[in-house]
Amino acid sequence: MALEISFDKIADVYDAQRAHPPAAATAIGQAIVAQTGIGAKVLEIGIGSGRIALPVAAAGARVIGIDVSTGMLTTARERAQQADVPLWLIRADAQALPFATAAFDAVLAVHVLHLLSDWRTALAEMVRVVKPGGFIIQGVDWRDPKSCVGLLRSQLRQAVMDLLPGSRPPGAGAAVHQHLAKLGVSVGEPIEAARWQRSISPTEVLAGMAARIDAETWALSDEVLQAAIERVQAWAEHQWADLNEPQVVEHRFLLTVGRVS
């Protein structure tokens, strides 16, 4: 049983959970445009609040974004207006893209494919709308799994699976790259677009989970979330002597680039 997520419900906290430092955001946008070329027509599926699309557009690409969430699209539109950056936004489903074949130079997907019920159809649609020789670009936020953030997130996932036997977070995993190969897309090695550090205490991480800032909490009921956090809190108290002491966490943003045949 996969857990389902309503992004309209978390649109107002999405940036708080996923925001990149300004320098990192700029580097990410430049790294993506370095692959596509300036002036490339780029579609981002699941554009969300525009946190990736805005730096990409600022770096010189023409960005069209889709999302099923009206709340997310409203946030992205407001941010684009504030930044005076052009974005074209459409409410649409990545599993049935409303675009002609070979309409784009590249399609961008960041933290979205693993949330789709039929990600294979979404991949086929992405490949369909990219011109031959164009790109399928995936992005992912990496946080040190041995850091307090990584360890607490791992404990939360385990607690949820223990509380909801048979459940699993939505996911596609490594099968995405395997399926892209079947669709004629050759995927290269990950590219590090940005790296930075952030200081945060275990208490702050736990508070973020309770406030549903952490993505792992979005699909959970209030009752399950409270019970899961109680388990994670108990584990944390045995793991660290002072939960209020800030710890340095390394972050990276990684790209994988596939070329469409």
C-alpha atoms as a PDB file:
ATOM      1  CA  MET A   1       0.000   0.000   0.000  1.00  0.00           C
ATOM      2  CA  ALA A   2       1.654   3.232  -1.158  1.00  0.00           C
ATOM      3  CA  LEU A   3       1.081   6.395   0.844  1.00  0.00           C
ATOM      4  CA  GLU A   4      -0.589   9.222  -1.091  1.00  0.00           C
ATOM      5  CA  ILE A   5       0.320  12.890  -0.870  1.00  0.00           C
ATOM      6  CA  SER A   6      -1.813  15.996  -1.406  1.00  0.00           C
ATOM      7  CA  PHE A   7       0.510  18.798  -2.459  1.00  0.00           C
ATOM      8  CA  ASP A   8      -2.198  21.452  -2.162  1.00  0.00           C
ATOM      9  CA  LYS A   9      -2.097  20.838   1.596  1.00  0.00           C
ATOM     10  CA  ILE A  10       1.637  21.458   1.886  1.00  0.00           C
ATOM     11  CA  ALA A  11       2.169  24.172  -0.748  1.00  0.00           C
ATOM     12  CA  ASP A  12       2.699  26.843   1.916  1.00  0.00           C
ATOM     13  CA  VAL A  13       5.512  24.909   3.652  1.00  0.00           C
ATOM     14  CA  TYR A  14       7.157  23.382   0.583  1.00  0.00           C
ATOM     15  CA  ASP A  15       9.836  26.061   0.274  1.00  0.00           C
ATOM     16  CA  ALA A  16      10.670  25.774   3.963  1.00  0.00           C
ATOM     17  CA  GLN A  17      11.399  22.073   3.459  1.00  0.00           C
ATOM     18  CA  ARG A  18      13.161  22.234   0.091  1.00  0.00           C
ATOM     19  CA  ALA A  19      14.715  25.718  -0.124  1.00  0.00           C
ATOM     20  CA  HIS A  20      18.286  26.021  -1.381  1.00  0.00           C
ATOM     21  CA  PRO A  21      20.720  28.758  -0.297  1.00  0.00           C
ATOM     22  CA  PRO A  22      20.830  31.501  -2.969  1.00  0.00           C
ATOM     23  CA  ALA A  23      24.324  30.604  -4.172  1.00  0.00           C
ATOM     24  CA  ALA A  24      23.393  26.921  -4.450  1.00  0.00           C
ATOM     25  CA  ALA A  25      20.167  27.745  -6.304  1.00  0.00           C
ATOM     26  CA  THR A  26      22.098  29.836  -8.818  1.00  0.00           C
ATOM     27  CA  ALA A  27      24.667  27.061  -9.298  1.00  0.00           C
ATOM     28  CA  ILE A  28      21.901  24.507  -9.870  1.00  0.00           C
ATOM     29  CA  GLY A  29      20.239  26.658 -12.520  1.00  0.00           C
ATOM     30  CA  GLN A  30      23.545  27.239 -14.285  1.00  0.00           C
ATOM     31  CA  ALA A  31      24.445  23.532 -14.180  1.00  0.00           C
ATOM     32  CA  ILE A  32      21.149  22.569 -15.811  1.00  0.00           C
ATOM     33  CA  VAL A  33      21.438  25.215 -18.531  1.00  0.00           C
ATOM     34  CA  ALA A  34      25.025  24.096 -19.140  1.00  0.00           C
ATOM     35  CA  GLN A  35      23.475  20.800 -20.260  1.00  0.00           C
ATOM     36  CA  THR A  36      20.523  22.168 -22.261  1.00  0.00           C
ATOM     37  CA  GLY A  37      22.092  25.321 -23.702  1.00  0.00           C
ATOM     38  CA  ILE A  38      20.925  28.910 -23.332  1.00  0.00           C
ATOM     39  CA  GLY A  39      17.545  29.483 -24.952  1.00  0.00           C
ATOM     40  CA  ALA A  40      16.534  25.819 -24.710  1.00  0.00           C
ATOM     41  CA  LYS A  41      12.839  25.094 -24.275  1.00  0.00           C
ATOM     42  CA  VAL A  42      12.632  23.140 -21.018  1.00  0.00           C
ATOM     43  CA  LEU A  43       9.582  21.462 -19.476  1.00  0.00           C
ATOM     44  CA  GLU A  44       9.619  20.828 -15.744  1.00  0.00           C
ATOM     45  CA  ILE A  45       7.114  18.259 -14.530  1.00  0.00           C
ATOM     46  CA  GLY A  46       5.926  18.784 -10.977  1.00  0.00           C
ATOM     47  CA  ILE A  47       7.264  22.341 -10.950  1.00  0.00           C
ATOM     48  CA  GLY A  48       6.036  22.867  -7.403  1.00  0.00           C
ATOM     49  CA  SER A  49       6.930  26.275  -5.990  1.00  0.00           C
ATOM     50  CA  GLY A  50       9.391  26.952  -8.811  1.00  0.00           C
ATOM     51  CA  ARG A  51      12.476  26.503  -6.666  1.00  0.00           C
ATOM     52  CA  ILE A  52      14.334  24.776  -9.543  1.00  0.00           C
ATOM     53  CA  ALA A  53      12.551  26.389 -12.489  1.00  0.00           C
ATOM     54  CA  LEU A  54      13.274  29.960 -11.414  1.00  0.00           C
ATOM     55  CA  PRO A  55      17.087  29.558 -11.325  1.00  0.00           C
ATOM     56  CA  VAL A  56      16.950  27.620 -14.610  1.00  0.00           C
ATOM     57  CA  ALA A  57      14.962  30.410 -16.260  1.00  0.00           C
ATOM     58  CA  ALA A  58      17.269  33.023 -14.747  1.00  0.00           C
ATOM     59  CA  ALA A  59      20.232  31.150 -16.257  1.00  0.00           C
ATOM     60  CA  GLY A  60      18.772  31.540 -19.736  1.00  0.00           C
ATOM     61  CA  ALA A  61      16.369  28.664 -20.491  1.00  0.00           C
ATOM     62  CA  ARG A  62      12.728  29.074 -21.534  1.00  0.00           C
ATOM     63  CA  VAL A  63      10.864  27.143 -18.835  1.00  0.00           C
ATOM     64  CA  ILE A  64       7.353  25.729 -19.025  1.00  0.00           C
ATOM     65  CA  GLY A  65       6.138  24.115 -15.827  1.00  0.00           C
ATOM     66  CA  ILE A  66       3.279  21.763 -15.049  1.00  0.00           C
ATOM     67  CA  ASP A  67       1.832  20.612 -11.752  1.00  0.00           C
ATOM     68  CA  VAL A  68      -1.410  18.986 -10.617  1.00  0.00           C
ATOM     69  CA  SER A  69      -1.517  21.254  -7.554  1.00  0.00           C
ATOM     70  CA  THR A  70      -3.189  24.635  -7.985  1.00  0.00           C
ATOM     71  CA  GLY A  71      -1.638  25.707  -4.690  1.00  0.00           C
ATOM     72  CA  MET A  72       1.855  24.971  -5.951  1.00  0.00           C
ATOM     73  CA  LEU A  73       1.199  26.753  -9.253  1.00  0.00           C
ATOM     74  CA  THR A  74      -0.068  29.826  -7.406  1.00  0.00           C
ATOM     75  CA  THR A  75       3.100  29.894  -5.310  1.00  0.00           C
ATOM     76  CA  ALA A  76       5.303  29.468  -8.390  1.00  0.00           C
ATOM     77  CA  ARG A  77       3.467  32.250 -10.229  1.00  0.00           C
ATOM     78  CA  GLU A  78       3.863  34.645  -7.297  1.00  0.00           C
ATOM     79  CA  ARG A  79       7.563  33.853  -6.947  1.00  0.00           C
ATOM     80  CA  ALA A  80       8.161  34.328 -10.674  1.00  0.00           C
ATOM     81  CA  GLN A  81       6.462  37.725 -10.564  1.00  0.00           C
ATOM     82  CA  GLN A  82       8.492  38.781  -7.530  1.00  0.00           C
ATOM     83  CA  ALA A  83      11.740  37.710  -9.185  1.00  0.00           C
ATOM     84  CA  ASP A  84      10.703  39.166 -12.560  1.00  0.00           C
ATOM     85  CA  VAL A  85      11.561  35.854 -14.211  1.00  0.00           C
ATOM     86  CA  PRO A  86       9.354  34.479 -17.026  1.00  0.00           C
ATOM     87  CA  LEU A  87       7.675  31.124 -16.356  1.00  0.00           C
ATOM     88  CA  TRP A  88       4.839  29.538 -18.311  1.00  0.00           C
ATOM     89  CA  LEU A  89       2.660  27.518 -15.941  1.00  0.00           C
ATOM     90  CA  ILE A  90      -0.018  24.939 -16.736  1.00  0.00           C
ATOM     91  CA  ARG A  91      -2.087  22.660 -14.519  1.00  0.00           C
ATOM     92  CA  ALA A  92      -1.529  19.206 -16.003  1.00  0.00           C
ATOM     93  CA  ASP A  93      -0.715  15.600 -15.180  1.00  0.00           C
ATOM     94  CA  ALA A  94       2.764  14.291 -15.981  1.00  0.00           C
ATOM     95  CA  GLN A  95       1.169  10.971 -16.911  1.00  0.00           C
ATOM     96  CA  ALA A  96      -0.769  12.620 -19.779  1.00  0.00           C
ATOM     97  CA  LEU A  97       1.231  15.605 -21.003  1.00  0.00           C
ATOM     98  CA  PRO A  98      -0.809  18.085 -23.095  1.00  0.00           C
ATOM     99  CA  PHE A  99       2.025  18.776 -25.539  1.00  0.00           C
ATOM    100  CA  ALA A 100       2.936  17.700 -29.044  1.00  0.00           C
ATOM    101  CA  THR A 101       5.597  15.093 -29.718  1.00  0.00           C
ATOM    102  CA  ALA A 102       9.154  16.491 -29.810  1.00  0.00           C
ATOM    103  CA  ALA A 103       8.033  19.855 -28.420  1.00  0.00           C
ATOM    104  CA  PHE A 104      10.923  20.410 -25.987  1.00  0.00           C
ATOM    105  CA  ASP A 105      14.698  20.422 -25.901  1.00  0.00           C
ATOM    106  CA  ALA A 106      14.678  18.917 -22.407  1.00  0.00           C
ATOM    107  CA  VAL A 107      12.358  17.683 -19.671  1.00  0.00           C
ATOM    108  CA  LEU A 108      13.304  18.213 -16.039  1.00  0.00           C
ATOM    109  CA  ALA A 109      12.045  16.160 -13.075  1.00  0.00           C
ATOM    110  CA  VAL A 110      13.101  16.816  -9.472  1.00  0.00           C
ATOM    111  CA  HIS A 111      11.664  14.780  -6.596  1.00  0.00           C
ATOM    112  CA  VAL A 112       8.507  13.896  -8.520  1.00  0.00           C
ATOM    113  CA  LEU A 113       8.767  10.587 -10.402  1.00  0.00           C
ATOM    114  CA  HIS A 114       8.857   8.521  -7.216  1.00  0.00           C
ATOM    115  CA  LEU A 115       5.548  10.103  -6.158  1.00  0.00           C
ATOM    116  CA  LEU A 116       3.586   9.094  -9.258  1.00  0.00           C
ATOM    117  CA  SER A 117       1.331   6.057  -9.248  1.00  0.00           C
ATOM    118  CA  ASP A 118       2.243   5.284 -12.877  1.00  0.00           C
ATOM    119  CA  TRP A 119       5.764   6.639 -13.247  1.00  0.00           C
ATOM    120  CA  ARG A 120       6.452   4.390 -16.253  1.00  0.00           C
ATOM    121  CA  THR A 121       3.733   6.172 -18.221  1.00  0.00           C
ATOM    122  CA  ALA A 122       5.158   9.510 -17.075  1.00  0.00           C
ATOM    123  CA  LEU A 123       8.615   8.519 -18.322  1.00  0.00           C
ATOM    124  CA  ALA A 124       7.184   7.499 -21.690  1.00  0.00           C
ATOM    125  CA  GLU A 125       5.410  10.851 -21.908  1.00  0.00           C
ATOM    126  CA  MET A 126       8.599  12.708 -21.012  1.00  0.00           C
ATOM    127  CA  VAL A 127      10.524  10.910 -23.742  1.00  0.00           C
ATOM    128  CA  ARG A 128       7.702  11.511 -26.227  1.00  0.00           C
ATOM    129  CA  VAL A 129       7.748  15.297 -25.846  1.00  0.00           C
ATOM    130  CA  VAL A 130      11.560  15.637 -26.075  1.00  0.00           C
ATOM    131  CA  LYS A 131      13.201  16.179 -29.441  1.00  0.00           C
ATOM    132  CA  PRO A 132      15.604  13.470 -30.655  1.00  0.00           C
ATOM    133  CA  GLY A 133      18.984  14.291 -29.168  1.00  0.00           C
ATOM    134  CA  GLY A 134      17.324  16.185 -26.326  1.00  0.00           C
ATOM    135  CA  PHE A 135      17.613  15.538 -22.623  1.00  0.00           C
ATOM    136  CA  ILE A 136      15.796  13.944 -19.703  1.00  0.00           C
ATOM    137  CA  ILE A 137      17.271  15.596 -16.607  1.00  0.00           C
ATOM    138  CA  GLN A 138      16.600  14.383 -13.086  1.00  0.00           C
ATOM    139  CA  GLY A 139      17.640  16.191  -9.931  1.00  0.00           C
ATOM    140  CA  VAL A 140      17.875  15.060  -6.331  1.00  0.00           C
ATOM    141  CA  ASP A 141      18.738  16.652  -3.012  1.00  0.00           C
ATOM    142  CA  TRP A 142      21.339  14.583  -1.165  1.00  0.00           C
ATOM    143  CA  ARG A 143      21.851  14.902   2.573  1.00  0.00           C
ATOM    144  CA  ASP A 144      24.556  13.024   4.427  1.00  0.00           C
ATOM    145  CA  PRO A 145      22.820   9.805   5.548  1.00  0.00           C
ATOM    146  CA  LYS A 146      25.092   9.656   8.597  1.00  0.00           C
ATOM    147  CA  SER A 147      24.101  13.149   9.746  1.00  0.00           C
ATOM    148  CA  CYS A 148      21.368  13.863  12.286  1.00  0.00           C
ATOM    149  CA  VAL A 149      19.022  14.710   9.421  1.00  0.00           C
ATOM    150  CA  GLY A 150      19.732  11.476   7.566  1.00  0.00           C
ATOM    151  CA  LEU A 151      19.527   9.307  10.670  1.00  0.00           C
ATOM    152  CA  LEU A 152      16.293  10.856  11.935  1.00  0.00           C
ATOM    153  CA  ARG A 153      14.630  10.584   8.524  1.00  0.00           C
ATOM    154  CA  SER A 154      15.611   6.916   8.383  1.00  0.00           C
ATOM    155  CA  GLN A 155      14.145   6.343  11.833  1.00  0.00           C
ATOM    156  CA  LEU A 156      10.918   8.074  10.826  1.00  0.00           C
ATOM    157  CA  ARG A 157      10.511   5.838   7.777  1.00  0.00           C
ATOM    158  CA  GLN A 158      11.050   2.751   9.917  1.00  0.00           C
ATOM    159  CA  ALA A 159       8.580   3.963  12.544  1.00  0.00           C
ATOM    160  CA  VAL A 160       5.893   4.540   9.920  1.00  0.00           C
ATOM    161  CA  MET A 161       6.401   1.092   8.418  1.00  0.00           C
ATOM    162  CA  ASP A 162       6.170  -0.435  11.895  1.00  0.00           C
ATOM    163  CA  LEU A 163       2.969   1.481  12.671  1.00  0.00           C
ATOM    164  CA  LEU A 164       1.395   0.777   9.281  1.00  0.00           C
ATOM    165  CA  PRO A 165       2.343  -2.808   8.358  1.00  0.00           C
ATOM    166  CA  GLY A 166       2.298  -3.290   4.614  1.00  0.00           C
ATOM    167  CA  SER A 167       2.700   0.401   3.868  1.00  0.00           C
ATOM    168  CA  ARG A 168       5.599   1.908   1.998  1.00  0.00           C
ATOM    169  CA  PRO A 169       6.554   5.401   0.917  1.00  0.00           C
ATOM    170  CA  PRO A 170       5.723   6.100  -2.749  1.00  0.00           C
ATOM    171  CA  GLY A 171       8.727   5.198  -4.813  1.00  0.00           C
ATOM    172  CA  ALA A 172      10.216   4.143  -8.113  1.00  0.00           C
ATOM    173  CA  GLY A 173      13.859   3.884  -7.110  1.00  0.00           C
ATOM    174  CA  ALA A 174      16.615   2.662  -9.416  1.00  0.00           C
ATOM    175  CA  ALA A 175      13.997   1.166 -11.733  1.00  0.00           C
ATOM    176  CA  VAL A 176      13.606   4.623 -13.301  1.00  0.00           C
ATOM    177  CA  HIS A 177      17.011   4.468 -14.980  1.00  0.00           C
ATOM    178  CA  GLN A 178      16.390   0.905 -16.114  1.00  0.00           C
ATOM    179  CA  HIS A 179      13.094   1.904 -17.697  1.00  0.00           C
ATOM    180  CA  LEU A 180      14.646   4.929 -19.388  1.00  0.00           C
ATOM    181  CA  ALA A 181      17.159   2.584 -21.019  1.00  0.00           C
ATOM    182  CA  LYS A 182      14.248   0.549 -22.398  1.00  0.00           C
ATOM    183  CA  LEU A 183      12.878   3.781 -23.859  1.00  0.00           C
ATOM    184  CA  GLY A 184      16.156   4.461 -25.641  1.00  0.00           C
ATOM    185  CA  VAL A 185      17.539   7.017 -23.199  1.00  0.00           C
ATOM    186  CA  SER A 186      21.203   6.696 -22.236  1.00  0.00           C
ATOM    187  CA  VAL A 187      21.765   8.029 -18.708  1.00  0.00           C
ATOM    188  CA  GLY A 188      25.154   9.317 -17.595  1.00  0.00           C
ATOM    189  CA  GLU A 189      26.823   9.369 -14.200  1.00  0.00           C
ATOM    190  CA  PRO A 190      25.532  11.808 -11.552  1.00  0.00           C
ATOM    191  CA  ILE A 191      26.796  15.387 -11.786  1.00  0.00           C
ATOM    192  CA  GLU A 192      27.258  17.461  -8.638  1.00  0.00           C
ATOM    193  CA  ALA A 193      25.588  20.805  -9.330  1.00  0.00           C
ATOM    194  CA  ALA A 194      26.001  22.325  -5.870  1.00  0.00           C
ATOM    195  CA  ARG A 195      27.318  21.556  -2.400  1.00  0.00           C
ATOM    196  CA  TRP A 196      26.745  23.396   0.871  1.00  0.00           C
ATOM    197  CA  GLN A 197      26.527  22.916   4.623  1.00  0.00           C
ATOM    198  CA  ARG A 198      23.850  23.728   7.145  1.00  0.00           C
ATOM    199  CA  SER A 199      23.869  23.623  10.941  1.00  0.00           C
ATOM    200  CA  ILE A 200      20.769  22.139  12.556  1.00  0.00           C
ATOM    201  CA  SER A 201      20.019  20.387  15.838  1.00  0.00           C
ATOM    202  CA  PRO A 202      18.109  17.111  16.252  1.00  0.00           C
ATOM    203  CA  THR A 203      15.449  19.104  18.121  1.00  0.00           C
ATOM    204  CA  GLU A 204      14.964  21.327  15.071  1.00  0.00           C
ATOM    205  CA  VAL A 205      14.696  18.311  12.787  1.00  0.00           C
ATOM    206  CA  LEU A 206      12.067  16.739  15.048  1.00  0.00           C
ATOM    207  CA  ALA A 207      10.159  20.027  15.244  1.00  0.00           C
ATOM    208  CA  GLY A 208      10.152  20.198  11.462  1.00  0.00           C
ATOM    209  CA  MET A 209       8.714  16.715  11.250  1.00  0.00           C
ATOM    210  CA  ALA A 210       5.974  17.620  13.736  1.00  0.00           C
ATOM    211  CA  ALA A 211       5.152  20.747  11.716  1.00  0.00           C
ATOM    212  CA  ARG A 212       5.007  18.618   8.523  1.00  0.00           C
ATOM    213  CA  ILE A 213       7.882  20.556   6.995  1.00  0.00           C
ATOM    214  CA  ASP A 214       9.670  17.276   6.328  1.00  0.00           C
ATOM    215  CA  ALA A 215       8.473  15.530   3.172  1.00  0.00           C
ATOM    216  CA  GLU A 216       8.284  12.164   4.919  1.00  0.00           C
ATOM    217  CA  THR A 217       5.312  13.439   6.953  1.00  0.00           C
ATOM    218  CA  TRP A 218       3.042  14.752   4.224  1.00  0.00           C
ATOM    219  CA  ALA A 219       1.008  11.587   3.688  1.00  0.00           C
ATOM    220  CA  LEU A 220       0.557  10.689   7.365  1.00  0.00           C
ATOM    221  CA  SER A 221      -2.514  11.134   9.547  1.00  0.00           C
ATOM    222  CA  ASP A 222      -2.119  13.220  12.697  1.00  0.00           C
ATOM    223  CA  GLU A 223      -2.339  10.088  14.840  1.00  0.00           C
ATOM    224  CA  VAL A 224       0.300   8.151  12.918  1.00  0.00           C
ATOM    225  CA  LEU A 225       2.598  11.158  12.738  1.00  0.00           C
ATOM    226  CA  GLN A 226       2.431  11.748  16.492  1.00  0.00           C
ATOM    227  CA  ALA A 227       3.083   8.092  17.275  1.00  0.00           C
ATOM    228  CA  ALA A 228       5.971   7.941  14.804  1.00  0.00           C
ATOM    229  CA  ILE A 229       7.618  11.073  16.182  1.00  0.00           C
ATOM    230  CA  GLU A 230       7.357   9.718  19.719  1.00  0.00           C
ATOM    231  CA  ARG A 231       9.337   6.674  18.587  1.00  0.00           C
ATOM    232  CA  VAL A 232      11.909   8.794  16.773  1.00  0.00           C
ATOM    233  CA  GLN A 233      12.226  11.110  19.779  1.00  0.00           C
ATOM    234  CA  ALA A 234      12.924   8.150  22.069  1.00  0.00           C
ATOM    235  CA  TRP A 235      15.579   6.856  19.672  1.00  0.00           C
ATOM    236  CA  ALA A 236      17.180  10.308  19.422  1.00  0.00           C
ATOM    237  CA  GLU A 237      17.415  10.646  23.197  1.00  0.00           C
ATOM    238  CA  HIS A 238      19.541   7.501  23.289  1.00  0.00           C
ATOM    239  CA  GLN A 239      21.602   8.589  20.277  1.00  0.00           C
ATOM    240  CA  TRP A 240      22.686  12.073  21.382  1.00  0.00           C
ATOM    241  CA  ALA A 241      23.385  13.547  24.818  1.00  0.00           C
ATOM    242  CA  ASP A 242      22.136  17.012  23.833  1.00  0.00           C
ATOM    243  CA  LEU A 243      19.370  17.202  21.244  1.00  0.00           C
ATOM    244  CA  ASN A 244      19.643  20.996  21.160  1.00  0.00           C
ATOM    245  CA  GLU A 245      23.266  21.059  20.032  1.00  0.00           C
ATOM    246  CA  PRO A 246      23.563  22.098  16.361  1.00  0.00           C
ATOM    247  CA  GLN A 247      25.283  19.665  14.026  1.00  0.00           C
ATOM    248  CA  VAL A 248      26.778  20.385  10.616  1.00  0.00           C
ATOM    249  CA  VAL A 249      24.968  18.607   7.774  1.00  0.00           C
ATOM    250  CA  GLU A 250      26.420  18.352   4.281  1.00  0.00           C
ATOM    251  CA  HIS A 251      24.009  18.866   1.386  1.00  0.00           C
ATOM    252  CA  ARG A 252      24.488  18.291  -2.327  1.00  0.00           C
ATOM    253  CA  PHE A 253      22.299  18.650  -5.384  1.00  0.00           C
ATOM    254  CA  LEU A 254      22.911  15.961  -7.980  1.00  0.00           C
ATOM    255  CA  LEU A 255      21.836  15.775 -11.617  1.00  0.00           C
ATOM    256  CA  THR A 256      21.536  12.754 -13.871  1.00  0.00           C
ATOM    257  CA  VAL A 257      21.279  13.560 -17.549  1.00  0.00           C
ATOM    258  CA  GLY A 258      19.853  11.204 -20.147  1.00  0.00           C
ATOM    259  CA  ARG A 259      20.004  11.770 -23.902  1.00  0.00           C
ATOM    260  CA  VAL A 260      17.004  10.781 -25.997  1.00  0.00           C
ATOM    261  CA  SER A 261      17.834   8.777 -29.106  1.00  0.00           C
END
